């Protein structure tokens, strides 16, 4: 019985220790090019191993409604993940959002307002 308690305690310790290193993106830098209708975002997510700890999902929203869900299998590099999307239906004043998810734990959402000059 004592061995079982020790094993369970060790597993709990390992699980909690791995969560210490898990974190959401620290920042999301969003740009929208009104001429080309391209939304680009850099999700800053520093990690020592982008194959095992990475941004695994990006949700794109337009005026509060999700329009794109992008699943990702690995991060670009140790610093973050860059994504770009063509969004043709954006109008002046629309709110675009980008939400990045860490595959281990956490998420961050940022928004910008589209400025389209005619």
PDB file of N, CA and C in Angstrom:
ATOM      1  N   UNK A   1       0.822  -1.191   0.000  1.00  0.00           N
ATOM      2  CA  UNK A   1       0.000   0.000   0.000  1.00  0.00           C
ATOM      3  C   UNK A   1       0.865   1.254   0.000  1.00  0.00           C
ATOM      4  N   UNK A   2       1.974   1.200   0.730  1.00  0.00           N
ATOM      5  CA  UNK A   2       2.867   2.344   0.803  1.00  0.00           C
ATOM      6  C   UNK A   2       3.469   2.653  -0.571  1.00  0.00           C
ATOM      7  N   UNK A   3       3.784   1.612  -1.342  1.00  0.00           N
ATOM      8  CA  UNK A   3       4.334   1.799  -2.695  1.00  0.00           C
ATOM      9  C   UNK A   3       3.314   2.467  -3.607  1.00  0.00           C
ATOM     10  N   UNK A   4       2.054   2.127  -3.471  1.00  0.00           N
ATOM     11  CA  UNK A   4       0.999   2.730  -4.290  1.00  0.00           C
ATOM     12  C   UNK A   4       0.894   4.218  -3.985  1.00  0.00           C
ATOM     13  N   UNK A   5       0.922   4.575  -2.719  1.00  0.00           N
ATOM     14  CA  UNK A   5       0.836   5.983  -2.325  1.00  0.00           C
ATOM     15  C   UNK A   5       2.038   6.756  -2.861  1.00  0.00           C
ATOM     16  N   UNK A   6       3.215   6.167  -2.770  1.00  0.00           N
ATOM     17  CA  UNK A   6       4.419   6.820  -3.280  1.00  0.00           C
ATOM     18  C   UNK A   6       4.327   7.001  -4.798  1.00  0.00           C
ATOM     19  N   UNK A   7       3.877   5.991  -5.509  1.00  0.00           N
ATOM     20  CA  UNK A   7       3.737   6.077  -6.973  1.00  0.00           C
ATOM     21  C   UNK A   7       2.718   7.148  -7.366  1.00  0.00           C
ATOM     22  N   UNK A   8       1.588   7.165  -6.709  1.00  0.00           N
ATOM     23  CA  UNK A   8       0.552   8.168  -7.005  1.00  0.00           C
ATOM     24  C   UNK A   8       1.076   9.562  -6.699  1.00  0.00           C
ATOM     25  N   UNK A   9       1.762   9.735  -5.589  1.00  0.00           N
ATOM     26  CA  UNK A   9       2.336  11.035  -5.226  1.00  0.00           C
ATOM     27  C   UNK A   9       3.340  11.493  -6.283  1.00  0.00           C
ATOM     28  N   UNK A  10       4.163  10.582  -6.758  1.00  0.00           N
ATOM     29  CA  UNK A  10       5.148  10.907  -7.784  1.00  0.00           C
ATOM     30  C   UNK A  10       4.464  11.331  -9.083  1.00  0.00           C
ATOM     31  N   UNK A  11       3.438  10.625  -9.485  1.00  0.00           N
ATOM     32  CA  UNK A  11       2.710  10.972 -10.711  1.00  0.00           C
ATOM     33  C   UNK A  11       2.035  12.336 -10.590  1.00  0.00           C
ATOM     34  N   UNK A  12       1.467  12.627  -9.442  1.00  0.00           N
ATOM     35  CA  UNK A  12       0.857  13.943  -9.218  1.00  0.00           C
ATOM     36  C   UNK A  12       1.926  15.032  -9.299  1.00  0.00           C
ATOM     37  N   UNK A  13       3.078  14.770  -8.711  1.00  0.00           N
ATOM     38  CA  UNK A  13       4.181  15.730  -8.771  1.00  0.00           C
ATOM     39  C   UNK A  13       4.612  15.977 -10.215  1.00  0.00           C
ATOM     40  N   UNK A  14       4.773  14.922 -10.997  1.00  0.00           N
ATOM     41  CA  UNK A  14       5.174  15.068 -12.405  1.00  0.00           C
ATOM     42  C   UNK A  14       4.147  15.861 -13.193  1.00  0.00           C
ATOM     43  N   UNK A  15       2.881  15.579 -12.987  1.00  0.00           N
ATOM     44  CA  UNK A  15       1.821  16.292 -13.708  1.00  0.00           C
ATOM     45  C   UNK A  15       1.824  17.774 -13.348  1.00  0.00           C
ATOM     46  N   UNK A  16       1.971  18.084 -12.078  1.00  0.00           N
ATOM     47  CA  UNK A  16       1.973  19.487 -11.673  1.00  0.00           C
ATOM     48  C   UNK A  16       3.243  20.193 -12.125  1.00  0.00           C
ATOM     49  N   UNK A  17       4.360  19.503 -12.156  1.00  0.00           N
ATOM     50  CA  UNK A  17       5.611  20.108 -12.611  1.00  0.00           C
ATOM     51  C   UNK A  17       5.541  20.457 -14.092  1.00  0.00           C
ATOM     52  N   UNK A  18       4.928  19.622 -14.896  1.00  0.00           N
ATOM     53  CA  UNK A  18       4.814  19.924 -16.324  1.00  0.00           C
ATOM     54  C   UNK A  18       3.891  21.104 -16.562  1.00  0.00           C
ATOM     55  N   UNK A  19       2.895  21.297 -15.697  1.00  0.00           N
ATOM     56  CA  UNK A  19       1.986  22.427 -15.848  1.00  0.00           C
ATOM     57  C   UNK A  19       2.679  23.751 -15.547  1.00  0.00           C
ATOM     58  N   UNK A  20       3.742  23.723 -14.740  1.00  0.00           N
ATOM     59  CA  UNK A  20       4.473  24.943 -14.431  1.00  0.00           C
ATOM     60  C   UNK A  20       5.060  25.537 -15.707  1.00  0.00           C
ATOM     61  N   UNK A  21       5.481  24.693 -16.618  1.00  0.00           N
ATOM     62  CA  UNK A  21       6.094  25.152 -17.853  1.00  0.00           C
ATOM     63  C   UNK A  21       5.069  25.452 -18.944  1.00  0.00           C
ATOM     64  N   UNK A  22       3.840  25.090 -18.746  1.00  0.00           N
ATOM     65  CA  UNK A  22       2.787  25.374 -19.721  1.00  0.00           C
ATOM     66  C   UNK A  22       2.327  26.805 -19.546  1.00  0.00           C
ATOM     67  N   UNK A  23       2.076  27.463 -20.659  1.00  0.00           N
ATOM     68  CA  UNK A  23       1.626  28.846 -20.600  1.00  0.00           C
ATOM     69  C   UNK A  23       0.943  29.221 -21.904  1.00  0.00           C
ATOM     70  N   UNK A  24       0.009  30.154 -21.828  1.00  0.00           N
ATOM     71  CA  UNK A  24      -0.624  30.633 -23.057  1.00  0.00           C
ATOM     72  C   UNK A  24       0.345  31.536 -23.814  1.00  0.00           C
ATOM     73  N   UNK A  25      -0.010  31.938 -25.026  1.00  0.00           N
ATOM     74  CA  UNK A  25       0.827  32.927 -25.712  1.00  0.00           C
ATOM     75  C   UNK A  25       0.970  34.164 -24.822  1.00  0.00           C
ATOM     76  N   UNK A  26       2.145  34.783 -24.834  1.00  0.00           N
ATOM     77  CA  UNK A  26       2.348  35.987 -24.028  1.00  0.00           C
ATOM     78  C   UNK A  26       1.833  37.229 -24.733  1.00  0.00           C
ATOM     79  N   UNK A  27       1.688  37.167 -26.054  1.00  0.00           N
ATOM     80  CA  UNK A  27       1.175  38.306 -26.820  1.00  0.00           C
ATOM     81  C   UNK A  27       0.687  37.808 -28.177  1.00  0.00           C
ATOM     82  N   UNK A  28      -0.212  38.566 -28.768  1.00  0.00           N
ATOM     83  CA  UNK A  28      -0.640  38.321 -30.150  1.00  0.00           C
ATOM     84  C   UNK A  28      -0.588  39.660 -30.867  1.00  0.00           C
ATOM     85  N   UNK A  29       0.198  39.719 -31.926  1.00  0.00           N
ATOM     86  CA  UNK A  29       0.333  40.942 -32.720  1.00  0.00           C
ATOM     87  C   UNK A  29      -0.452  40.739 -34.013  1.00  0.00           C
ATOM     88  N   UNK A  30      -1.530  41.519 -34.179  1.00  0.00           N
ATOM     89  CA  UNK A  30      -2.454  41.348 -35.302  1.00  0.00           C
ATOM     90  C   UNK A  30      -2.336  42.523 -36.258  1.00  0.00           C
ATOM     91  N   UNK A  31      -2.335  42.198 -37.561  1.00  0.00           N
ATOM     92  CA  UNK A  31      -2.427  43.236 -38.594  1.00  0.00           C
ATOM     93  C   UNK A  31      -3.482  42.807 -39.601  1.00  0.00           C
ATOM     94  N   UNK A  32      -4.165  43.802 -40.177  1.00  0.00           N
ATOM     95  CA  UNK A  32      -5.137  43.533 -41.236  1.00  0.00           C
ATOM     96  C   UNK A  32      -4.856  44.494 -42.373  1.00  0.00           C
ATOM     97  N   UNK A  33      -4.599  43.950 -43.555  1.00  0.00           N
ATOM     98  CA  UNK A  33      -4.357  44.743 -44.761  1.00  0.00           C
ATOM     99  C   UNK A  33      -5.686  44.902 -45.490  1.00  0.00           C
ATOM    100  N   UNK A  34      -6.243  46.100 -45.454  1.00  0.00           N
ATOM    101  CA  UNK A  34      -7.559  46.353 -46.045  1.00  0.00           C
ATOM    102  C   UNK A  34      -7.561  46.150 -47.564  1.00  0.00           C
ATOM    103  N   UNK A  35      -6.445  46.420 -48.206  1.00  0.00           N
ATOM    104  CA  UNK A  35      -6.368  46.287 -49.664  1.00  0.00           C
ATOM    105  C   UNK A  35      -6.416  44.823 -50.099  1.00  0.00           C
ATOM    106  N   UNK A  36      -5.644  43.976 -49.427  1.00  0.00           N
ATOM    107  CA  UNK A  36      -5.585  42.559 -49.816  1.00  0.00           C
ATOM    108  C   UNK A  36      -6.557  41.686 -49.025  1.00  0.00           C
ATOM    109  N   UNK A  37      -7.159  42.269 -47.956  1.00  0.00           N
ATOM    110  CA  UNK A  37      -8.079  41.551 -47.052  1.00  0.00           C
ATOM    111  C   UNK A  37      -7.381  40.396 -46.320  1.00  0.00           C
ATOM    112  N   UNK A  38      -6.093  40.578 -46.043  1.00  0.00           N
ATOM    113  CA  UNK A  38      -5.317  39.560 -45.333  1.00  0.00           C
ATOM    114  C   UNK A  38      -5.153  39.939 -43.867  1.00  0.00           C
ATOM    115  N   UNK A  39      -5.511  39.003 -43.013  1.00  0.00           N
ATOM    116  CA  UNK A  39      -5.294  39.114 -41.580  1.00  0.00           C
ATOM    117  C   UNK A  39      -4.052  38.295 -41.252  1.00  0.00           C
ATOM    118  N   UNK A  40      -3.100  38.893 -40.554  1.00  0.00           N
ATOM    119  CA  UNK A  40      -1.892  38.186 -40.129  1.00  0.00           C
ATOM    120  C   UNK A  40      -1.754  38.348 -38.625  1.00  0.00           C
ATOM    121  N   UNK A  41      -1.246  37.305 -37.988  1.00  0.00           N
ATOM    122  CA  UNK A  41      -1.048  37.355 -36.542  1.00  0.00           C
ATOM    123  C   UNK A  41       0.210  36.602 -36.167  1.00  0.00           C
ATOM    124  N   UNK A  42       0.973  37.202 -35.268  1.00  0.00           N
ATOM    125  CA  UNK A  42       2.121  36.543 -34.655  1.00  0.00           C
ATOM    126  C   UNK A  42       1.747  36.287 -33.210  1.00  0.00           C
ATOM    127  N   UNK A  43       1.708  35.011 -32.838  1.00  0.00           N
ATOM    128  CA  UNK A  43       1.451  34.629 -31.453  1.00  0.00           C
ATOM    129  C   UNK A  43       2.786  34.340 -30.793  1.00  0.00           C
ATOM    130  N   UNK A  44       3.171  35.191 -29.858  1.00  0.00           N
ATOM    131  CA  UNK A  44       4.441  35.031 -29.149  1.00  0.00           C
ATOM    132  C   UNK A  44       4.241  33.963 -28.083  1.00  0.00           C
ATOM    133  N   UNK A  45       5.014  32.869 -28.219  1.00  0.00           N
ATOM    134  CA  UNK A  45       4.876  31.725 -27.311  1.00  0.00           C
ATOM    135  C   UNK A  45       6.235  31.060 -27.208  1.00  0.00           C
ATOM    136  N   UNK A  46       7.069  31.583 -26.311  1.00  0.00           N
ATOM    137  CA  UNK A  46       8.430  31.058 -26.143  1.00  0.00           C
ATOM    138  C   UNK A  46       8.392  29.670 -25.532  1.00  0.00           C
ATOM    139  N   UNK A  47       9.115  28.764 -26.159  1.00  0.00           N
ATOM    140  CA  UNK A  47       9.166  27.373 -25.700  1.00  0.00           C
ATOM    141  C   UNK A  47      10.526  26.783 -26.069  1.00  0.00           C
ATOM    142  N   UNK A  48      10.992  25.850 -25.269  1.00  0.00           N
ATOM    143  CA  UNK A  48      12.279  25.225 -25.568  1.00  0.00           C
ATOM    144  C   UNK A  48      12.150  24.116 -26.610  1.00  0.00           C
ATOM    145  N   UNK A  49      10.932  23.565 -26.783  1.00  0.00           N
ATOM    146  CA  UNK A  49      10.732  22.499 -27.759  1.00  0.00           C
ATOM    147  C   UNK A  49       9.389  22.683 -28.473  1.00  0.00           C
ATOM    148  N   UNK A  50       9.398  23.330 -29.646  1.00  0.00           N
ATOM    149  CA  UNK A  50       8.144  23.593 -30.351  1.00  0.00           C
ATOM    150  C   UNK A  50       7.471  22.346 -30.942  1.00  0.00           C
ATOM    151  N   UNK A  51       8.102  21.184 -30.798  1.00  0.00           N
ATOM    152  CA  UNK A  51       7.466  19.946 -31.241  1.00  0.00           C
ATOM    153  C   UNK A  51       6.560  19.363 -30.157  1.00  0.00           C
ATOM    154  N   UNK A  52       6.857  19.680 -28.886  1.00  0.00           N
ATOM    155  CA  UNK A  52       6.060  19.116 -27.796  1.00  0.00           C
ATOM    156  C   UNK A  52       5.256  20.161 -27.022  1.00  0.00           C
ATOM    157  N   UNK A  53       5.620  21.430 -27.125  1.00  0.00           N
ATOM    158  CA  UNK A  53       4.917  22.513 -26.439  1.00  0.00           C
ATOM    159  C   UNK A  53       4.742  23.631 -27.449  1.00  0.00           C
ATOM    160  N   UNK A  54       3.506  23.842 -27.909  1.00  0.00           N
ATOM    161  CA  UNK A  54       3.299  24.702 -29.068  1.00  0.00           C
ATOM    162  C   UNK A  54       1.878  25.258 -29.111  1.00  0.00           C
ATOM    163  N   UNK A  55       1.675  26.205 -30.012  1.00  0.00           N
ATOM    164  CA  UNK A  55       0.332  26.704 -30.304  1.00  0.00           C
ATOM    165  C   UNK A  55      -0.329  25.635 -31.164  1.00  0.00           C
ATOM    166  N   UNK A  56      -1.426  25.050 -30.669  1.00  0.00           N
ATOM    167  CA  UNK A  56      -2.051  23.955 -31.413  1.00  0.00           C
ATOM    168  C   UNK A  56      -3.376  24.329 -32.066  1.00  0.00           C
ATOM    169  N   UNK A  57      -3.889  25.525 -31.744  1.00  0.00           N
ATOM    170  CA  UNK A  57      -5.155  25.921 -32.355  1.00  0.00           C
ATOM    171  C   UNK A  57      -5.244  27.437 -32.393  1.00  0.00           C
ATOM    172  N   UNK A  58      -5.809  27.943 -33.481  1.00  0.00           N
ATOM    173  CA  UNK A  58      -6.060  29.367 -33.637  1.00  0.00           C
ATOM    174  C   UNK A  58      -7.509  29.523 -34.082  1.00  0.00           C
ATOM    175  N   UNK A  59      -8.244  30.372 -33.371  1.00  0.00           N
ATOM    176  CA  UNK A  59      -9.612  30.708 -33.764  1.00  0.00           C
ATOM    177  C   UNK A  59      -9.632  32.154 -34.238  1.00  0.00           C
ATOM    178  N   UNK A  60     -10.280  32.376 -35.386  1.00  0.00           N
ATOM    179  CA  UNK A  60     -10.433  33.719 -35.935  1.00  0.00           C
ATOM    180  C   UNK A  60     -11.906  34.083 -35.843  1.00  0.00           C
ATOM    181  N   UNK A  61     -12.163  35.291 -35.326  1.00  0.00           N
ATOM    182  CA  UNK A  61     -13.537  35.752 -35.182  1.00  0.00           C
ATOM    183  C   UNK A  61     -13.774  37.039 -35.944  1.00  0.00           C
ATOM    184  N   UNK A  62     -15.013  37.226 -36.364  1.00  0.00           N
ATOM    185  CA  UNK A  62     -15.449  38.447 -37.030  1.00  0.00           C
ATOM    186  C   UNK A  62     -16.708  38.911 -36.320  1.00  0.00           C
ATOM    187  N   UNK A  63     -16.608  40.063 -35.661  1.00  0.00           N
ATOM    188  CA  UNK A  63     -17.731  40.639 -34.907  1.00  0.00           C
ATOM    189  C   UNK A  63     -18.330  39.662 -33.906  1.00  0.00           C
ATOM    190  N   UNK A  64     -17.466  38.922 -33.225  1.00  0.00           N
ATOM    191  CA  UNK A  64     -17.909  38.025 -32.160  1.00  0.00           C
ATOM    192  C   UNK A  64     -18.303  36.625 -32.591  1.00  0.00           C
ATOM    193  N   UNK A  65     -18.283  36.336 -33.897  1.00  0.00           N
ATOM    194  CA  UNK A  65     -18.617  34.996 -34.390  1.00  0.00           C
ATOM    195  C   UNK A  65     -17.368  34.332 -34.964  1.00  0.00           C
ATOM    196  N   UNK A  66     -17.142  33.089 -34.555  1.00  0.00           N
ATOM    197  CA  UNK A  66     -15.987  32.363 -35.071  1.00  0.00           C
ATOM    198  C   UNK A  66     -16.186  32.069 -36.555  1.00  0.00           C
ATOM    199  N   UNK A  67     -15.179  32.418 -37.369  1.00  0.00           N
ATOM    200  CA  UNK A  67     -15.265  32.155 -38.808  1.00  0.00           C
ATOM    201  C   UNK A  67     -14.205  31.168 -39.286  1.00  0.00           C
ATOM    202  N   UNK A  68     -13.141  30.993 -38.492  1.00  0.00           N
ATOM    203  CA  UNK A  68     -12.071  30.053 -38.854  1.00  0.00           C
ATOM    204  C   UNK A  68     -11.586  29.358 -37.593  1.00  0.00           C
ATOM    205  N   UNK A  69     -11.425  28.034 -37.678  1.00  0.00           N
ATOM    206  CA  UNK A  69     -10.759  27.258 -36.641  1.00  0.00           C
ATOM    207  C   UNK A  69      -9.616  26.529 -37.326  1.00  0.00           C
ATOM    208  N   UNK A  70      -8.392  26.833 -36.912  1.00  0.00           N
ATOM    209  CA  UNK A  70      -7.196  26.290 -37.550  1.00  0.00           C
ATOM    210  C   UNK A  70      -6.457  25.427 -36.534  1.00  0.00           C
ATOM    211  N   UNK A  71      -6.355  24.127 -36.807  1.00  0.00           N
ATOM    212  CA  UNK A  71      -5.612  23.209 -35.943  1.00  0.00           C
ATOM    213  C   UNK A  71      -4.181  23.110 -36.456  1.00  0.00           C
ATOM    214  N   UNK A  72      -3.213  23.138 -35.534  1.00  0.00           N
ATOM    215  CA  UNK A  72      -1.804  23.178 -35.895  1.00  0.00           C
ATOM    216  C   UNK A  72      -1.084  22.038 -35.179  1.00  0.00           C
ATOM    217  N   UNK A  73      -0.170  21.351 -35.885  1.00  0.00           N
ATOM    218  CA  UNK A  73       0.514  20.193 -35.306  1.00  0.00           C
ATOM    219  C   UNK A  73       1.868  20.517 -34.695  1.00  0.00           C
ATOM    220  N   UNK A  74       2.413  21.703 -34.965  1.00  0.00           N
ATOM    221  CA  UNK A  74       3.677  22.126 -34.368  1.00  0.00           C
ATOM    222  C   UNK A  74       3.824  23.622 -34.565  1.00  0.00           C
ATOM    223  N   UNK A  75       4.660  24.214 -33.736  1.00  0.00           N
ATOM    224  CA  UNK A  75       4.888  25.652 -33.788  1.00  0.00           C
ATOM    225  C   UNK A  75       6.003  25.965 -34.773  1.00  0.00           C
ATOM    226  N   UNK A  76       5.957  27.144 -35.399  1.00  0.00           N
ATOM    227  CA  UNK A  76       6.970  27.554 -36.376  1.00  0.00           C
ATOM    228  C   UNK A  76       8.392  27.458 -35.835  1.00  0.00           C
ATOM    229  N   UNK A  77       8.595  27.990 -34.633  1.00  0.00           N
ATOM    230  CA  UNK A  77       9.925  28.011 -34.035  1.00  0.00           C
ATOM    231  C   UNK A  77       9.803  28.183 -32.521  1.00  0.00           C
ATOM    232  N   UNK A  78      10.916  28.417 -31.844  1.00  0.00           N
ATOM    233  CA  UNK A  78      10.907  28.534 -30.377  1.00  0.00           C
ATOM    234  C   UNK A  78      10.250  29.817 -29.879  1.00  0.00           C
ATOM    235  N   UNK A  79      10.043  30.783 -30.767  1.00  0.00           N
ATOM    236  CA  UNK A  79       9.520  32.088 -30.368  1.00  0.00           C
ATOM    237  C   UNK A  79       8.010  32.180 -30.525  1.00  0.00           C
ATOM    238  N   UNK A  80       7.446  31.574 -31.547  1.00  0.00           N
ATOM    239  CA  UNK A  80       6.004  31.699 -31.734  1.00  0.00           C
ATOM    240  C   UNK A  80       5.486  31.095 -33.014  1.00  0.00           C
ATOM    241  N   UNK A  81       4.241  31.441 -33.309  1.00  0.00           N
ATOM    242  CA  UNK A  81       3.510  30.918 -34.464  1.00  0.00           C
ATOM    243  C   UNK A  81       2.953  32.092 -35.256  1.00  0.00           C
ATOM    244  N   UNK A  82       3.166  32.081 -36.558  1.00  0.00           N
ATOM    245  CA  UNK A  82       2.612  33.105 -37.435  1.00  0.00           C
ATOM    246  C   UNK A  82       1.546  32.465 -38.316  1.00  0.00           C
ATOM    247  N   UNK A  83       0.420  33.166 -38.464  1.00  0.00           N
ATOM    248  CA  UNK A  83      -0.667  32.684 -39.313  1.00  0.00           C
ATOM    249  C   UNK A  83      -1.179  33.835 -40.169  1.00  0.00           C
ATOM    250  N   UNK A  84      -1.736  33.516 -41.332  1.00  0.00           N
ATOM    251  CA  UNK A  84      -2.336  34.509 -42.222  1.00  0.00           C
ATOM    252  C   UNK A  84      -3.582  33.912 -42.856  1.00  0.00           C
ATOM    253  N   UNK A  85      -4.609  34.759 -42.990  1.00  0.00           N
ATOM    254  CA  UNK A  85      -5.879  34.302 -43.548  1.00  0.00           C
ATOM    255  C   UNK A  85      -6.469  35.385 -44.457  1.00  0.00           C
ATOM    256  N   UNK A  86      -7.056  34.952 -45.539  1.00  0.00           N
ATOM    257  CA  UNK A  86      -7.803  35.836 -46.433  1.00  0.00           C
ATOM    258  C   UNK A  86      -9.228  35.935 -45.895  1.00  0.00           C
ATOM    259  N   UNK A  87      -9.671  37.168 -45.601  1.00  0.00           N
ATOM    260  CA  UNK A  87     -11.017  37.379 -45.053  1.00  0.00           C
ATOM    261  C   UNK A  87     -11.700  38.452 -45.899  1.00  0.00           C
ATOM    262  N   UNK A  88     -12.413  38.045 -46.937  1.00  0.00           N
ATOM    263  CA  UNK A  88     -12.954  38.999 -47.907  1.00  0.00           C
ATOM    264  C   UNK A  88     -14.142  39.830 -47.428  1.00  0.00           C
ATOM    265  N   UNK A  89     -14.858  39.391 -46.405  1.00  0.00           N
ATOM    266  CA  UNK A  89     -16.106  40.049 -46.017  1.00  0.00           C
ATOM    267  C   UNK A  89     -15.966  41.134 -44.962  1.00  0.00           C
ATOM    268  N   UNK A  90     -14.750  41.547 -44.640  1.00  0.00           N
ATOM    269  CA  UNK A  90     -14.551  42.553 -43.602  1.00  0.00           C
ATOM    270  C   UNK A  90     -14.959  43.936 -44.115  1.00  0.00           C
ATOM    271  N   UNK A  91     -15.708  44.655 -43.257  1.00  0.00           N
ATOM    272  CA  UNK A  91     -16.129  46.022 -43.564  1.00  0.00           C
ATOM    273  C   UNK A  91     -15.495  46.976 -42.564  1.00  0.00           C
ATOM    274  N   UNK A  92     -15.498  48.255 -42.893  1.00  0.00           N
ATOM    275  CA  UNK A  92     -14.945  49.267 -42.012  1.00  0.00           C
ATOM    276  C   UNK A  92     -15.620  49.197 -40.639  1.00  0.00           C
ATOM    277  N   UNK A  93     -14.814  49.159 -39.594  1.00  0.00           N
ATOM    278  CA  UNK A  93     -15.340  49.113 -38.232  1.00  0.00           C
ATOM    279  C   UNK A  93     -15.590  47.723 -37.685  1.00  0.00           C
ATOM    280  N   UNK A  94     -15.486  46.688 -38.522  1.00  0.00           N
ATOM    281  CA  UNK A  94     -15.659  45.317 -38.028  1.00  0.00           C
ATOM    282  C   UNK A  94     -14.544  44.975 -37.031  1.00  0.00           C
ATOM    283  N   UNK A  95     -14.874  44.107 -36.083  1.00  0.00           N
ATOM    284  CA  UNK A  95     -13.900  43.663 -35.087  1.00  0.00           C
ATOM    285  C   UNK A  95     -13.420  42.265 -35.460  1.00  0.00           C
ATOM    286  N   UNK A  96     -12.099  42.153 -35.622  1.00  0.00           N
ATOM    287  CA  UNK A  96     -11.452  40.871 -35.907  1.00  0.00           C
ATOM    288  C   UNK A  96     -10.758  40.395 -34.637  1.00  0.00           C
ATOM    289  N   UNK A  97     -10.894  39.118 -34.331  1.00  0.00           N
ATOM    290  CA  UNK A  97     -10.243  38.569 -33.145  1.00  0.00           C
ATOM    291  C   UNK A  97      -9.395  37.367 -33.526  1.00  0.00           C
ATOM    292  N   UNK A  98      -8.322  37.186 -32.770  1.00  0.00           N
ATOM    293  CA  UNK A  98      -7.429  36.037 -32.920  1.00  0.00           C
ATOM    294  C   UNK A  98      -7.247  35.453 -31.527  1.00  0.00           C
ATOM    295  N   UNK A  99      -7.511  34.148 -31.401  1.00  0.00           N
ATOM    296  CA  UNK A  99      -7.336  33.465 -30.125  1.00  0.00           C
ATOM    297  C   UNK A  99      -6.389  32.289 -30.345  1.00  0.00           C
ATOM    298  N   UNK A 100      -5.276  32.286 -29.619  1.00  0.00           N
ATOM    299  CA  UNK A 100      -4.283  31.233 -29.727  1.00  0.00           C
ATOM    300  C   UNK A 100      -4.298  30.350 -28.496  1.00  0.00           C
ATOM    301  N   UNK A 101      -4.211  29.037 -28.713  1.00  0.00           N
ATOM    302  CA  UNK A 101      -4.279  28.036 -27.648  1.00  0.00           C
ATOM    303  C   UNK A 101      -2.959  27.291 -27.537  1.00  0.00           C
ATOM    304  N   UNK A 102      -2.442  27.159 -26.321  1.00  0.00           N
ATOM    305  CA  UNK A 102      -1.280  26.314 -26.042  1.00  0.00           C
ATOM    306  C   UNK A 102      -1.758  24.867 -25.966  1.00  0.00           C
ATOM    307  N   UNK A 103      -0.987  23.933 -26.525  1.00  0.00           N
ATOM    308  CA  UNK A 103      -1.408  22.527 -26.505  1.00  0.00           C
ATOM    309  C   UNK A 103      -1.384  21.923 -25.109  1.00  0.00           C
ATOM    310  N   UNK A 104      -0.700  22.560 -24.169  1.00  0.00           N
ATOM    311  CA  UNK A 104      -0.646  22.032 -22.809  1.00  0.00           C
ATOM    312  C   UNK A 104      -1.652  22.747 -21.908  1.00  0.00           C
ATOM    313  N   UNK A 105      -1.623  24.076 -21.933  1.00  0.00           N
ATOM    314  CA  UNK A 105      -2.542  24.806 -21.076  1.00  0.00           C
ATOM    315  C   UNK A 105      -2.548  26.289 -21.416  1.00  0.00           C
ATOM    316  N   UNK A 106      -3.716  26.866 -21.478  1.00  0.00           N
ATOM    317  CA  UNK A 106      -3.845  28.307 -21.610  1.00  0.00           C
ATOM    318  C   UNK A 106      -4.175  28.779 -23.005  1.00  0.00           C
ATOM    319  N   UNK A 107      -4.744  29.994 -23.052  1.00  0.00           N
ATOM    320  CA  UNK A 107      -5.090  30.630 -24.317  1.00  0.00           C
ATOM    321  C   UNK A 107      -5.050  32.137 -24.125  1.00  0.00           C
ATOM    322  N   UNK A 108      -4.949  32.863 -25.239  1.00  0.00           N
ATOM    323  CA  UNK A 108      -4.958  34.314 -25.221  1.00  0.00           C
ATOM    324  C   UNK A 108      -5.741  34.793 -26.430  1.00  0.00           C
ATOM    325  N   UNK A 109      -6.532  35.850 -26.226  1.00  0.00           N
ATOM    326  CA  UNK A 109      -7.339  36.415 -27.304  1.00  0.00           C
ATOM    327  C   UNK A 109      -7.061  37.903 -27.402  1.00  0.00           C
ATOM    328  N   UNK A 110      -6.884  38.380 -28.639  1.00  0.00           N
ATOM    329  CA  UNK A 110      -6.704  39.807 -28.910  1.00  0.00           C
ATOM    330  C   UNK A 110      -7.635  40.188 -30.056  1.00  0.00           C
ATOM    331  N   UNK A 111      -7.986  41.489 -30.087  1.00  0.00           N
ATOM    332  CA  UNK A 111      -8.893  41.994 -31.125  1.00  0.00           C
ATOM    333  C   UNK A 111      -8.334  43.273 -31.729  1.00  0.00           C
ATOM    334  N   UNK A 112      -8.744  43.520 -32.983  1.00  0.00           N
ATOM    335  CA  UNK A 112      -8.472  44.800 -33.628  1.00  0.00           C
ATOM    336  C   UNK A 112      -9.724  45.225 -34.372  1.00  0.00           C
ATOM    337  N   UNK A 113      -9.830  46.523 -34.624  1.00  0.00           N
ATOM    338  CA  UNK A 113     -10.931  47.056 -35.409  1.00  0.00           C
ATOM    339  C   UNK A 113     -10.424  47.347 -36.805  1.00  0.00           C
ATOM    340  N   UNK A 114     -11.148  46.851 -37.808  1.00  0.00           N
ATOM    341  CA  UNK A 114     -10.735  47.026 -39.203  1.00  0.00           C
ATOM    342  C   UNK A 114     -10.974  48.479 -39.634  1.00  0.00           C
ATOM    343  N   UNK A 115      -9.979  49.024 -40.309  1.00  0.00           N
ATOM    344  CA  UNK A 115     -10.092  50.372 -40.884  1.00  0.00           C
ATOM    345  C   UNK A 115      -9.953  50.239 -42.385  1.00  0.00           C
ATOM    346  N   UNK A 116     -11.077  50.452 -43.079  1.00  0.00           N
ATOM    347  CA  UNK A 116     -11.084  50.324 -44.531  1.00  0.00           C
ATOM    348  C   UNK A 116     -11.497  51.668 -45.122  1.00  0.00           C
ATOM    349  N   UNK A 117     -10.584  52.239 -45.834  1.00  0.00           N
ATOM    350  CA  UNK A 117     -10.851  53.551 -46.456  1.00  0.00           C
ATOM    351  C   UNK A 117     -11.251  53.332 -47.906  1.00  0.00           C
ATOM    352  N   UNK A 118     -12.310  53.989 -48.309  1.00  0.00           N
ATOM    353  CA  UNK A 118     -12.802  53.837 -49.701  1.00  0.00           C
ATOM    354  C   UNK A 118     -12.194  54.856 -50.622  1.00  0.00           C
TER     355      UNK A 118
END
